[in-house]
Amino acid sequence: MSQSLYEKYGGFSTVSRIVMDFYDQLLDSERVGDFFENTDMNRLIDHQTKFIAYLLGGPADYTGDRLRQSHSGLGIADDDFDEMVSILLATLRKHGMEEADIATVAAEIEARRSLVVAA
């Protein structure tokens, strides 16, 4: 049985640190920082930690419907999505994730673009 990325990189505590750092960067972004002005950041970070854990093969479960609902009406454009992905991948590198594993995460996120970007 192969080890999941979630297990390989230390489980929930590592994912939690990555997500906290990721949101520090997002909030500083001129392109996407304003999306979070009226957001309950504790709640968002909790959900995002579970989502990233899920992408890495952890114990959470996220459906396309849930992602679509949570991003509906936000007006997220492709350029906004690209900025978020760029910041996330840089954060994963900063936390020591290997390039092949980062590529796996990037592909998983890209596969969900249509659920997040406004049509």
PDB file of N, CA and C in Angstrom:
ATOM      1  N   MET A   1       0.853  -1.185   0.000  1.00  0.00           N
ATOM      2  CA  MET A   1       0.000   0.000   0.000  1.00  0.00           C
ATOM      3  C   MET A   1       0.896   1.245   0.000  1.00  0.00           C
ATOM      4  N   SER A   2       0.650   2.150  -0.925  1.00  0.00           N
ATOM      5  CA  SER A   2       1.493   3.340  -1.004  1.00  0.00           C
ATOM      6  C   SER A   2       1.028   4.419  -0.029  1.00  0.00           C
ATOM      7  N   GLN A   3       1.952   5.225   0.369  1.00  0.00           N
ATOM      8  CA  GLN A   3       1.697   6.295   1.323  1.00  0.00           C
ATOM      9  C   GLN A   3       1.090   7.496   0.605  1.00  0.00           C
ATOM     10  N   SER A   4       0.061   8.082   1.187  1.00  0.00           N
ATOM     11  CA  SER A   4      -0.549   9.280   0.600  1.00  0.00           C
ATOM     12  C   SER A   4       0.370  10.483   0.818  1.00  0.00           C
ATOM     13  N   LEU A   5       0.169  11.518   0.022  1.00  0.00           N
ATOM     14  CA  LEU A   5       0.926  12.762   0.234  1.00  0.00           C
ATOM     15  C   LEU A   5       0.611  13.337   1.603  1.00  0.00           C
ATOM     16  N   TYR A   6      -0.619  13.175   2.043  1.00  0.00           N
ATOM     17  CA  TYR A   6      -1.031  13.636   3.372  1.00  0.00           C
ATOM     18  C   TYR A   6      -0.145  12.996   4.439  1.00  0.00           C
ATOM     19  N   GLU A   7       0.051  11.703   4.346  1.00  0.00           N
ATOM     20  CA  GLU A   7       0.901  10.997   5.314  1.00  0.00           C
ATOM     21  C   GLU A   7       2.377  11.347   5.114  1.00  0.00           C
ATOM     22  N   LYS A   8       2.791  11.399   3.865  1.00  0.00           N
ATOM     23  CA  LYS A   8       4.190  11.679   3.540  1.00  0.00           C
ATOM     24  C   LYS A   8       4.670  12.999   4.131  1.00  0.00           C
ATOM     25  N   TYR A   9       3.784  14.004   4.135  1.00  0.00           N
ATOM     26  CA  TYR A   9       4.198  15.334   4.593  1.00  0.00           C
ATOM     27  C   TYR A   9       3.760  15.660   6.011  1.00  0.00           C
ATOM     28  N   GLY A  10       3.327  14.685   6.762  1.00  0.00           N
ATOM     29  CA  GLY A  10       3.128  14.913   8.181  1.00  0.00           C
ATOM     30  C   GLY A  10       1.701  15.110   8.644  1.00  0.00           C
ATOM     31  N   GLY A  11       0.727  14.889   7.780  1.00  0.00           N
ATOM     32  CA  GLY A  11      -0.661  14.912   8.200  1.00  0.00           C
ATOM     33  C   GLY A  11      -1.214  16.293   8.510  1.00  0.00           C
ATOM     34  N   PHE A  12      -2.180  16.300   9.408  1.00  0.00           N
ATOM     35  CA  PHE A  12      -2.962  17.496   9.678  1.00  0.00           C
ATOM     36  C   PHE A  12      -2.125  18.673  10.154  1.00  0.00           C
ATOM     37  N   SER A  13      -1.163  18.449  11.017  1.00  0.00           N
ATOM     38  CA  SER A  13      -0.395  19.580  11.561  1.00  0.00           C
ATOM     39  C   SER A  13       0.385  20.295  10.459  1.00  0.00           C
ATOM     40  N   THR A  14       0.952  19.547   9.528  1.00  0.00           N
ATOM     41  CA  THR A  14       1.680  20.169   8.422  1.00  0.00           C
ATOM     42  C   THR A  14       0.720  20.899   7.490  1.00  0.00           C
ATOM     43  N   VAL A  15      -0.386  20.253   7.152  1.00  0.00           N
ATOM     44  CA  VAL A  15      -1.375  20.881   6.271  1.00  0.00           C
ATOM     45  C   VAL A  15      -1.886  22.167   6.906  1.00  0.00           C
ATOM     46  N   SER A  16      -2.116  22.146   8.183  1.00  0.00           N
ATOM     47  CA  SER A  16      -2.592  23.330   8.894  1.00  0.00           C
ATOM     48  C   SER A  16      -1.590  24.481   8.783  1.00  0.00           C
ATOM     49  N   ARG A  17      -0.303  24.203   8.961  1.00  0.00           N
ATOM     50  CA  ARG A  17       0.730  25.239   8.833  1.00  0.00           C
ATOM     51  C   ARG A  17       0.792  25.778   7.405  1.00  0.00           C
ATOM     52  N   ILE A  18       0.685  24.882   6.443  1.00  0.00           N
ATOM     53  CA  ILE A  18       0.706  25.301   5.037  1.00  0.00           C
ATOM     54  C   ILE A  18      -0.462  26.233   4.748  1.00  0.00           C
ATOM     55  N   VAL A  19      -1.656  25.866   5.194  1.00  0.00           N
ATOM     56  CA  VAL A  19      -2.846  26.678   4.911  1.00  0.00           C
ATOM     57  C   VAL A  19      -2.765  28.033   5.605  1.00  0.00           C
ATOM     58  N   MET A  20      -2.278  28.080   6.815  1.00  0.00           N
ATOM     59  CA  MET A  20      -2.123  29.368   7.512  1.00  0.00           C
ATOM     60  C   MET A  20      -1.170  30.273   6.736  1.00  0.00           C
ATOM     61  N   ASP A  21      -0.048  29.731   6.301  1.00  0.00           N
ATOM     62  CA  ASP A  21       0.926  30.492   5.527  1.00  0.00           C
ATOM     63  C   ASP A  21       0.323  30.916   4.180  1.00  0.00           C
ATOM     64  N   PHE A  22      -0.391  30.022   3.534  1.00  0.00           N
ATOM     65  CA  PHE A  22      -1.056  30.296   2.260  1.00  0.00           C
ATOM     66  C   PHE A  22      -1.994  31.490   2.386  1.00  0.00           C
ATOM     67  N   TYR A  23      -2.817  31.527   3.429  1.00  0.00           N
ATOM     68  CA  TYR A  23      -3.743  32.642   3.591  1.00  0.00           C
ATOM     69  C   TYR A  23      -3.040  33.935   3.968  1.00  0.00           C
ATOM     70  N   ASP A  24      -1.944  33.858   4.692  1.00  0.00           N
ATOM     71  CA  ASP A  24      -1.153  35.075   4.934  1.00  0.00           C
ATOM     72  C   ASP A  24      -0.733  35.695   3.607  1.00  0.00           C
ATOM     73  N   GLN A  25      -0.317  34.847   2.677  1.00  0.00           N
ATOM     74  CA  GLN A  25       0.100  35.325   1.359  1.00  0.00           C
ATOM     75  C   GLN A  25      -1.086  35.832   0.538  1.00  0.00           C
ATOM     76  N   LEU A  26      -2.207  35.102   0.566  1.00  0.00           N
ATOM     77  CA  LEU A  26      -3.386  35.520  -0.193  1.00  0.00           C
ATOM     78  C   LEU A  26      -3.904  36.871   0.274  1.00  0.00           C
ATOM     79  N   LEU A  27      -3.931  37.077   1.569  1.00  0.00           N
ATOM     80  CA  LEU A  27      -4.444  38.336   2.111  1.00  0.00           C
ATOM     81  C   LEU A  27      -3.576  39.520   1.692  1.00  0.00           C
ATOM     82  N   ASP A  28      -2.294  39.273   1.443  1.00  0.00           N
ATOM     83  CA  ASP A  28      -1.380  40.327   0.996  1.00  0.00           C
ATOM     84  C   ASP A  28      -1.420  40.551  -0.514  1.00  0.00           C
ATOM     85  N   SER A  29      -2.088  39.675  -1.229  1.00  0.00           N
ATOM     86  CA  SER A  29      -2.136  39.773  -2.685  1.00  0.00           C
ATOM     87  C   SER A  29      -3.040  40.916  -3.129  1.00  0.00           C
ATOM     88  N   GLU A  30      -2.510  41.774  -3.984  1.00  0.00           N
ATOM     89  CA  GLU A  30      -3.322  42.863  -4.529  1.00  0.00           C
ATOM     90  C   GLU A  30      -4.429  42.325  -5.422  1.00  0.00           C
ATOM     91  N   ARG A  31      -4.200  41.199  -6.065  1.00  0.00           N
ATOM     92  CA  ARG A  31      -5.180  40.638  -6.996  1.00  0.00           C
ATOM     93  C   ARG A  31      -6.352  39.977  -6.280  1.00  0.00           C
ATOM     94  N   VAL A  32      -6.089  39.203  -5.238  1.00  0.00           N
ATOM     95  CA  VAL A  32      -7.166  38.409  -4.628  1.00  0.00           C
ATOM     96  C   VAL A  32      -7.449  38.726  -3.163  1.00  0.00           C
ATOM     97  N   GLY A  33      -6.645  39.549  -2.556  1.00  0.00           N
ATOM     98  CA  GLY A  33      -6.820  39.850  -1.133  1.00  0.00           C
ATOM     99  C   GLY A  33      -8.192  40.385  -0.779  1.00  0.00           C
ATOM    100  N   ASP A  34      -8.781  41.181  -1.671  1.00  0.00           N
ATOM    101  CA  ASP A  34     -10.087  41.775  -1.388  1.00  0.00           C
ATOM    102  C   ASP A  34     -11.215  40.755  -1.311  1.00  0.00           C
ATOM    103  N   PHE A  35     -11.036  39.587  -1.879  1.00  0.00           N
ATOM    104  CA  PHE A  35     -12.066  38.547  -1.795  1.00  0.00           C
ATOM    105  C   PHE A  35     -12.333  38.141  -0.346  1.00  0.00           C
ATOM    106  N   PHE A  36     -11.405  38.417   0.547  1.00  0.00           N
ATOM    107  CA  PHE A  36     -11.493  37.927   1.920  1.00  0.00           C
ATOM    108  C   PHE A  36     -11.861  39.009   2.933  1.00  0.00           C
ATOM    109  N   GLU A  37     -12.235  40.201   2.455  1.00  0.00           N
ATOM    110  CA  GLU A  37     -12.519  41.323   3.356  1.00  0.00           C
ATOM    111  C   GLU A  37     -13.596  41.027   4.393  1.00  0.00           C
ATOM    112  N   ASN A  38     -14.678  40.431   3.995  1.00  0.00           N
ATOM    113  CA  ASN A  38     -15.795  40.165   4.910  1.00  0.00           C
ATOM    114  C   ASN A  38     -15.958  38.681   5.178  1.00  0.00           C
ATOM    115  N   THR A  39     -14.836  38.006   5.331  1.00  0.00           N
ATOM    116  CA  THR A  39     -14.837  36.562   5.483  1.00  0.00           C
ATOM    117  C   THR A  39     -14.446  36.178   6.906  1.00  0.00           C
ATOM    118  N   ASP A  40     -15.125  35.173   7.442  1.00  0.00           N
ATOM    119  CA  ASP A  40     -14.748  34.581   8.718  1.00  0.00           C
ATOM    120  C   ASP A  40     -13.515  33.719   8.440  1.00  0.00           C
ATOM    121  N   MET A  41     -12.348  34.285   8.663  1.00  0.00           N
ATOM    122  CA  MET A  41     -11.109  33.619   8.279  1.00  0.00           C
ATOM    123  C   MET A  41     -10.875  32.321   9.053  1.00  0.00           C
ATOM    124  N   ASN A  42     -11.267  32.264  10.313  1.00  0.00           N
ATOM    125  CA  ASN A  42     -11.094  31.019  11.069  1.00  0.00           C
ATOM    126  C   ASN A  42     -11.879  29.883  10.425  1.00  0.00           C
ATOM    127  N   ARG A  43     -13.098  30.190  10.034  1.00  0.00           N
ATOM    128  CA  ARG A  43     -13.948  29.185   9.387  1.00  0.00           C
ATOM    129  C   ARG A  43     -13.370  28.799   8.027  1.00  0.00           C
ATOM    130  N   LEU A  44     -12.942  29.791   7.267  1.00  0.00           N
ATOM    131  CA  LEU A  44     -12.385  29.530   5.947  1.00  0.00           C
ATOM    132  C   LEU A  44     -11.110  28.686   6.038  1.00  0.00           C
ATOM    133  N   ILE A  45     -10.246  29.025   6.958  1.00  0.00           N
ATOM    134  CA  ILE A  45      -9.000  28.277   7.125  1.00  0.00           C
ATOM    135  C   ILE A  45      -9.297  26.833   7.536  1.00  0.00           C
ATOM    136  N   ASP A  46     -10.296  26.642   8.386  1.00  0.00           N
ATOM    137  CA  ASP A  46     -10.694  25.287   8.779  1.00  0.00           C
ATOM    138  C   ASP A  46     -11.143  24.488   7.553  1.00  0.00           C
ATOM    139  N   HIS A  47     -12.014  25.090   6.732  1.00  0.00           N
ATOM    140  CA  HIS A  47     -12.497  24.405   5.530  1.00  0.00           C
ATOM    141  C   HIS A  47     -11.360  24.150   4.544  1.00  0.00           C
ATOM    142  N   GLN A  48     -10.493  25.141   4.356  1.00  0.00           N
ATOM    143  CA  GLN A  48      -9.397  24.992   3.402  1.00  0.00           C
ATOM    144  C   GLN A  48      -8.401  23.938   3.871  1.00  0.00           C
ATOM    145  N   THR A  49      -8.176  23.850   5.166  1.00  0.00           N
ATOM    146  CA  THR A  49      -7.279  22.828   5.700  1.00  0.00           C
ATOM    147  C   THR A  49      -7.830  21.443   5.381  1.00  0.00           C
ATOM    148  N   LYS A  50      -9.121  21.273   5.565  1.00  0.00           N
ATOM    149  CA  LYS A  50      -9.750  19.988   5.236  1.00  0.00           C
ATOM    150  C   LYS A  50      -9.680  19.713   3.741  1.00  0.00           C
ATOM    151  N   PHE A  51      -9.874  20.761   2.922  1.00  0.00           N
ATOM    152  CA  PHE A  51      -9.820  20.574   1.476  1.00  0.00           C
ATOM    153  C   PHE A  51      -8.421  20.185   1.007  1.00  0.00           C
ATOM    154  N   ILE A  52      -7.407  20.882   1.486  1.00  0.00           N
ATOM    155  CA  ILE A  52      -6.029  20.560   1.091  1.00  0.00           C
ATOM    156  C   ILE A  52      -5.669  19.160   1.599  1.00  0.00           C
ATOM    157  N   ALA A  53      -6.096  18.827   2.813  1.00  0.00           N
ATOM    158  CA  ALA A  53      -5.869  17.470   3.330  1.00  0.00           C
ATOM    159  C   ALA A  53      -6.499  16.439   2.393  1.00  0.00           C
ATOM    160  N   TYR A  54      -7.711  16.728   1.931  1.00  0.00           N
ATOM    161  CA  TYR A  54      -8.407  15.841   0.988  1.00  0.00           C
ATOM    162  C   TYR A  54      -7.604  15.687  -0.310  1.00  0.00           C
ATOM    163  N   LEU A  55      -7.118  16.815  -0.867  1.00  0.00           N
ATOM    164  CA  LEU A  55      -6.340  16.753  -2.106  1.00  0.00           C
ATOM    165  C   LEU A  55      -5.080  15.917  -1.948  1.00  0.00           C
ATOM    166  N   LEU A  56      -4.538  15.902  -0.743  1.00  0.00           N
ATOM    167  CA  LEU A  56      -3.310  15.148  -0.470  1.00  0.00           C
ATOM    168  C   LEU A  56      -3.585  13.693  -0.081  1.00  0.00           C
ATOM    169  N   GLY A  57      -4.855  13.302  -0.102  1.00  0.00           N
ATOM    170  CA  GLY A  57      -5.204  11.922   0.239  1.00  0.00           C
ATOM    171  C   GLY A  57      -5.561  11.720   1.692  1.00  0.00           C
ATOM    172  N   GLY A  58      -5.875  12.806   2.377  1.00  0.00           N
ATOM    173  CA  GLY A  58      -6.240  12.730   3.789  1.00  0.00           C
ATOM    174  C   GLY A  58      -7.684  12.328   4.002  1.00  0.00           C
ATOM    175  N   PRO A  59      -8.153  12.425   5.248  1.00  0.00           N
ATOM    176  CA  PRO A  59      -9.430  11.851   5.641  1.00  0.00           C
ATOM    177  C   PRO A  59     -10.682  12.659   5.291  1.00  0.00           C
ATOM    178  N   ALA A  60     -10.565  13.830   4.740  1.00  0.00           N
ATOM    179  CA  ALA A  60     -11.745  14.642   4.439  1.00  0.00           C
ATOM    180  C   ALA A  60     -12.323  14.247   3.076  1.00  0.00           C
ATOM    181  N   ASP A  61     -13.533  14.721   2.805  1.00  0.00           N
ATOM    182  CA  ASP A  61     -14.195  14.444   1.537  1.00  0.00           C
ATOM    183  C   ASP A  61     -14.870  15.716   1.039  1.00  0.00           C
ATOM    184  N   TYR A  62     -14.594  16.097  -0.187  1.00  0.00           N
ATOM    185  CA  TYR A  62     -15.200  17.288  -0.783  1.00  0.00           C
ATOM    186  C   TYR A  62     -15.813  16.918  -2.119  1.00  0.00           C
ATOM    187  N   THR A  63     -17.030  17.376  -2.338  1.00  0.00           N
ATOM    188  CA  THR A  63     -17.702  17.122  -3.605  1.00  0.00           C
ATOM    189  C   THR A  63     -17.620  18.355  -4.488  1.00  0.00           C
ATOM    190  N   GLY A  64     -17.813  18.147  -5.760  1.00  0.00           N
ATOM    191  CA  GLY A  64     -17.855  19.262  -6.693  1.00  0.00           C
ATOM    192  C   GLY A  64     -18.971  20.233  -6.357  1.00  0.00           C
ATOM    193  N   ASP A  65     -20.116  19.703  -5.929  1.00  0.00           N
ATOM    194  CA  ASP A  65     -21.240  20.572  -5.569  1.00  0.00           C
ATOM    195  C   ASP A  65     -20.869  21.509  -4.430  1.00  0.00           C
ATOM    196  N   ARG A  66     -20.157  20.992  -3.464  1.00  0.00           N
ATOM    197  CA  ARG A  66     -19.755  21.819  -2.313  1.00  0.00           C
ATOM    198  C   ARG A  66     -18.818  22.938  -2.751  1.00  0.00           C
ATOM    199  N   LEU A  67     -17.865  22.618  -3.604  1.00  0.00           N
ATOM    200  CA  LEU A  67     -16.942  23.639  -4.104  1.00  0.00           C
ATOM    201  C   LEU A  67     -17.677  24.686  -4.927  1.00  0.00           C
ATOM    202  N   ARG A  68     -18.567  24.233  -5.793  1.00  0.00           N
ATOM    203  CA  ARG A  68     -19.315  25.159  -6.645  1.00  0.00           C
ATOM    204  C   ARG A  68     -20.168  26.098  -5.773  1.00  0.00           C
ATOM    205  N   GLN A  69     -20.853  25.556  -4.791  1.00  0.00           N
ATOM    206  CA  GLN A  69     -21.698  26.377  -3.911  1.00  0.00           C
ATOM    207  C   GLN A  69     -20.880  27.406  -3.140  1.00  0.00           C
ATOM    208  N   SER A  70     -19.756  26.996  -2.599  1.00  0.00           N
ATOM    209  CA  SER A  70     -18.977  27.908  -1.751  1.00  0.00           C
ATOM    210  C   SER A  70     -18.323  29.035  -2.545  1.00  0.00           C
ATOM    211  N   HIS A  71     -18.170  28.872  -3.856  1.00  0.00           N
ATOM    212  CA  HIS A  71     -17.554  29.912  -4.679  1.00  0.00           C
ATOM    213  C   HIS A  71     -18.553  30.643  -5.569  1.00  0.00           C
ATOM    214  N   SER A  72     -19.779  30.194  -5.569  1.00  0.00           N
ATOM    215  CA  SER A  72     -20.819  30.798  -6.397  1.00  0.00           C
ATOM    216  C   SER A  72     -21.049  32.257  -6.002  1.00  0.00           C
ATOM    217  N   GLY A  73     -21.152  33.111  -6.989  1.00  0.00           N
ATOM    218  CA  GLY A  73     -21.446  34.511  -6.735  1.00  0.00           C
ATOM    219  C   GLY A  73     -20.261  35.364  -6.321  1.00  0.00           C
ATOM    220  N   LEU A  74     -19.088  34.782  -6.239  1.00  0.00           N
ATOM    221  CA  LEU A  74     -17.915  35.551  -5.823  1.00  0.00           C
ATOM    222  C   LEU A  74     -17.253  36.274  -6.996  1.00  0.00           C
ATOM    223  N   GLY A  75     -17.587  35.885  -8.205  1.00  0.00           N
ATOM    224  CA  GLY A  75     -17.012  36.547  -9.372  1.00  0.00           C
ATOM    225  C   GLY A  75     -15.544  36.256  -9.581  1.00  0.00           C
ATOM    226  N   ILE A  76     -15.130  35.057  -9.252  1.00  0.00           N
ATOM    227  CA  ILE A  76     -13.728  34.678  -9.396  1.00  0.00           C
ATOM    228  C   ILE A  76     -13.426  34.446 -10.878  1.00  0.00           C
ATOM    229  N   ALA A  77     -12.425  35.159 -11.389  1.00  0.00           N
ATOM    230  CA  ALA A  77     -12.006  35.040 -12.788  1.00  0.00           C
ATOM    231  C   ALA A  77     -10.822  34.081 -12.896  1.00  0.00           C
ATOM    232  N   ASP A  78     -10.519  33.689 -14.129  1.00  0.00           N
ATOM    233  CA  ASP A  78      -9.376  32.801 -14.348  1.00  0.00           C
ATOM    234  C   ASP A  78      -8.079  33.387 -13.795  1.00  0.00           C
ATOM    235  N   ASP A  79      -7.873  34.690 -13.965  1.00  0.00           N
ATOM    236  CA  ASP A  79      -6.648  35.320 -13.450  1.00  0.00           C
ATOM    237  C   ASP A  79      -6.579  35.256 -11.926  1.00  0.00           C
ATOM    238  N   ASP A  80      -7.731  35.370 -11.267  1.00  0.00           N
ATOM    239  CA  ASP A  80      -7.776  35.247  -9.810  1.00  0.00           C
ATOM    240  C   ASP A  80      -7.403  33.827  -9.392  1.00  0.00           C
ATOM    241  N   PHE A  81      -7.976  32.866 -10.092  1.00  0.00           N
ATOM    242  CA  PHE A  81      -7.683  31.458  -9.822  1.00  0.00           C
ATOM    243  C   PHE A  81      -6.196  31.176 -10.020  1.00  0.00           C
ATOM    244  N   ASP A  82      -5.640  31.707 -11.118  1.00  0.00           N
ATOM    245  CA  ASP A  82      -4.212  31.516 -11.396  1.00  0.00           C
ATOM    246  C   ASP A  82      -3.347  32.087 -10.276  1.00  0.00           C
ATOM    247  N   GLU A  83      -3.722  33.248  -9.763  1.00  0.00           N
ATOM    248  CA  GLU A  83      -2.983  33.867  -8.655  1.00  0.00           C
ATOM    249  C   GLU A  83      -3.029  32.972  -7.419  1.00  0.00           C
ATOM    250  N   MET A  84      -4.200  32.450  -7.120  1.00  0.00           N
ATOM    251  CA  MET A  84      -4.348  31.566  -5.963  1.00  0.00           C
ATOM    252  C   MET A  84      -3.485  30.323  -6.131  1.00  0.00           C
ATOM    253  N   VAL A  85      -3.510  29.730  -7.305  1.00  0.00           N
ATOM    254  CA  VAL A  85      -2.710  28.528  -7.552  1.00  0.00           C
ATOM    255  C   VAL A  85      -1.225  28.845  -7.425  1.00  0.00           C
ATOM    256  N   SER A  86      -0.795  29.947  -7.989  1.00  0.00           N
ATOM    257  CA  SER A  86       0.608  30.346  -7.912  1.00  0.00           C
ATOM    258  C   SER A  86       1.057  30.505  -6.461  1.00  0.00           C
ATOM    259  N   ILE A  87       0.241  31.144  -5.661  1.00  0.00           N
ATOM    260  CA  ILE A  87       0.577  31.346  -4.247  1.00  0.00           C
ATOM    261  C   ILE A  87       0.589  30.015  -3.504  1.00  0.00           C
ATOM    262  N   LEU A  88      -0.383  29.156  -3.793  1.00  0.00           N
ATOM    263  CA  LEU A  88      -0.411  27.852  -3.123  1.00  0.00           C
ATOM    264  C   LEU A  88       0.824  27.033  -3.474  1.00  0.00           C
ATOM    265  N   LEU A  89       1.182  26.975  -4.743  1.00  0.00           N
ATOM    266  CA  LEU A  89       2.336  26.174  -5.140  1.00  0.00           C
ATOM    267  C   LEU A  89       3.621  26.718  -4.538  1.00  0.00           C
ATOM    268  N   ALA A  90       3.759  28.034  -4.482  1.00  0.00           N
ATOM    269  CA  ALA A  90       4.930  28.641  -3.828  1.00  0.00           C
ATOM    270  C   ALA A  90       4.960  28.287  -2.346  1.00  0.00           C
ATOM    271  N   THR A  91       3.794  28.259  -1.722  1.00  0.00           N
ATOM    272  CA  THR A  91       3.712  27.910  -0.303  1.00  0.00           C
ATOM    273  C   THR A  91       4.107  26.451  -0.087  1.00  0.00           C
ATOM    274  N   LEU A  92       3.658  25.573  -0.971  1.00  0.00           N
ATOM    275  CA  LEU A  92       4.044  24.160  -0.860  1.00  0.00           C
ATOM    276  C   LEU A  92       5.553  24.001  -0.999  1.00  0.00           C
ATOM    277  N   ARG A  93       6.154  24.730  -1.925  1.00  0.00           N
ATOM    278  CA  ARG A  93       7.619  24.688  -2.085  1.00  0.00           C
ATOM    279  C   ARG A  93       8.309  25.167  -0.809  1.00  0.00           C
ATOM    280  N   LYS A  94       7.814  26.259  -0.274  1.00  0.00           N
ATOM    281  CA  LYS A  94       8.388  26.838   0.945  1.00  0.00           C
ATOM    282  C   LYS A  94       8.366  25.836   2.097  1.00  0.00           C
ATOM    283  N   HIS A  95       7.356  24.983   2.108  1.00  0.00           N
ATOM    284  CA  HIS A  95       7.214  23.996   3.184  1.00  0.00           C
ATOM    285  C   HIS A  95       7.858  22.653   2.842  1.00  0.00           C
ATOM    286  N   GLY A  96       8.667  22.633   1.768  1.00  0.00           N
ATOM    287  CA  GLY A  96       9.489  21.467   1.486  1.00  0.00           C
ATOM    288  C   GLY A  96       8.855  20.366   0.658  1.00  0.00           C
ATOM    289  N   MET A  97       7.751  20.639   0.009  1.00  0.00           N
ATOM    290  CA  MET A  97       7.131  19.608  -0.814  1.00  0.00           C
ATOM    291  C   MET A  97       7.958  19.421  -2.093  1.00  0.00           C
ATOM    292  N   GLU A  98       8.117  18.193  -2.500  1.00  0.00           N
ATOM    293  CA  GLU A  98       8.869  17.863  -3.706  1.00  0.00           C
ATOM    294  C   GLU A  98       8.099  18.303  -4.953  1.00  0.00           C
ATOM    295  N   GLU A  99       8.854  18.657  -6.006  1.00  0.00           N
ATOM    296  CA  GLU A  99       8.245  19.172  -7.236  1.00  0.00           C
ATOM    297  C   GLU A  99       7.240  18.208  -7.858  1.00  0.00           C
ATOM    298  N   ALA A 100       7.534  16.927  -7.862  1.00  0.00           N
ATOM    299  CA  ALA A 100       6.593  15.950  -8.436  1.00  0.00           C
ATOM    300  C   ALA A 100       5.283  15.945  -7.663  1.00  0.00           C
ATOM    301  N   ASP A 101       5.359  16.102  -6.359  1.00  0.00           N
ATOM    302  CA  ASP A 101       4.152  16.123  -5.528  1.00  0.00           C
ATOM    303  C   ASP A 101       3.386  17.435  -5.714  1.00  0.00           C
ATOM    304  N   ILE A 102       4.126  18.524  -5.889  1.00  0.00           N
ATOM    305  CA  ILE A 102       3.495  19.818  -6.171  1.00  0.00           C
ATOM    306  C   ILE A 102       2.738  19.738  -7.496  1.00  0.00           C
ATOM    307  N   ALA A 103       3.328  19.079  -8.482  1.00  0.00           N
ATOM    308  CA  ALA A 103       2.659  18.914  -9.775  1.00  0.00           C
ATOM    309  C   ALA A 103       1.368  18.115  -9.622  1.00  0.00           C
ATOM    310  N   THR A 104       1.368  17.130  -8.759  1.00  0.00           N
ATOM    311  CA  THR A 104       0.165  16.341  -8.497  1.00  0.00           C
ATOM    312  C   THR A 104      -0.920  17.217  -7.892  1.00  0.00           C
ATOM    313  N   VAL A 105      -0.555  18.034  -6.908  1.00  0.00           N
ATOM    314  CA  VAL A 105      -1.513  18.943  -6.280  1.00  0.00           C
ATOM    315  C   VAL A 105      -2.025  19.949  -7.310  1.00  0.00           C
ATOM    316  N   ALA A 106      -1.136  20.492  -8.122  1.00  0.00           N
ATOM    317  CA  ALA A 106      -1.528  21.468  -9.139  1.00  0.00           C
ATOM    318  C   ALA A 106      -2.548  20.862 -10.104  1.00  0.00           C
ATOM    319  N   ALA A 107      -2.339  19.625 -10.503  1.00  0.00           N
ATOM    320  CA  ALA A 107      -3.273  18.962 -11.411  1.00  0.00           C
ATOM    321  C   ALA A 107      -4.634  18.762 -10.747  1.00  0.00           C
ATOM    322  N   GLU A 108      -4.637  18.413  -9.474  1.00  0.00           N
ATOM    323  CA  GLU A 108      -5.898  18.228  -8.741  1.00  0.00           C
ATOM    324  C   GLU A 108      -6.669  19.546  -8.636  1.00  0.00           C
ATOM    325  N   ILE A 109      -5.956  20.617  -8.403  1.00  0.00           N
ATOM    326  CA  ILE A 109      -6.602  21.927  -8.300  1.00  0.00           C
ATOM    327  C   ILE A 109      -7.104  22.375  -9.665  1.00  0.00           C
ATOM    328  N   GLU A 110      -6.279  22.200 -10.675  1.00  0.00           N
ATOM    329  CA  GLU A 110      -6.679  22.595 -12.034  1.00  0.00           C
ATOM    330  C   GLU A 110      -7.932  21.838 -12.477  1.00  0.00           C
ATOM    331  N   ALA A 111      -8.061  20.606 -12.081  1.00  0.00           N
ATOM    332  CA  ALA A 111      -9.228  19.797 -12.429  1.00  0.00           C
ATOM    333  C   ALA A 111     -10.516  20.374 -11.834  1.00  0.00           C
ATOM    334  N   ARG A 112     -10.383  21.258 -10.852  1.00  0.00           N
ATOM    335  CA  ARG A 112     -11.543  21.847 -10.183  1.00  0.00           C
ATOM    336  C   ARG A 112     -11.772  23.310 -10.559  1.00  0.00           C
ATOM    337  N   ARG A 113     -11.006  23.824 -11.514  1.00  0.00           N
ATOM    338  CA  ARG A 113     -11.102  25.217 -11.933  1.00  0.00           C
ATOM    339  C   ARG A 113     -12.554  25.605 -12.256  1.00  0.00           C
ATOM    340  N   SER A 114     -13.241  24.792 -13.025  1.00  0.00           N
ATOM    341  CA  SER A 114     -14.594  25.140 -13.472  1.00  0.00           C
ATOM    342  C   SER A 114     -15.589  25.216 -12.318  1.00  0.00           C
ATOM    343  N   LEU A 115     -15.248  24.643 -11.186  1.00  0.00           N
ATOM    344  CA  LEU A 115     -16.124  24.700 -10.006  1.00  0.00           C
ATOM    345  C   LEU A 115     -15.939  25.985  -9.223  1.00  0.00           C
ATOM    346  N   VAL A 116     -14.830  26.690  -9.467  1.00  0.00           N
ATOM    347  CA  VAL A 116     -14.477  27.868  -8.697  1.00  0.00           C
ATOM    348  C   VAL A 116     -14.617  29.161  -9.526  1.00  0.00           C
ATOM    349  N   VAL A 117     -14.201  29.093 -10.777  1.00  0.00           N
ATOM    350  CA  VAL A 117     -14.219  30.279 -11.646  1.00  0.00           C
ATOM    351  C   VAL A 117     -15.633  30.543 -12.127  1.00  0.00           C
ATOM    352  N   ALA A 118     -16.025  31.830 -12.078  1.00  0.00           N
ATOM    353  CA  ALA A 118     -17.361  32.213 -12.529  1.00  0.00           C
ATOM    354  C   ALA A 118     -17.501  31.978 -14.019  1.00  0.00           C
ATOM    355  N   ALA A 119     -18.637  31.416 -14.379  1.00  0.00           N
ATOM    356  CA  ALA A 119     -18.884  31.104 -15.807  1.00  0.00           C
ATOM    357  C   ALA A 119     -19.253  32.358 -16.574  1.00  0.00           C
TER     358      ALA A 119
END
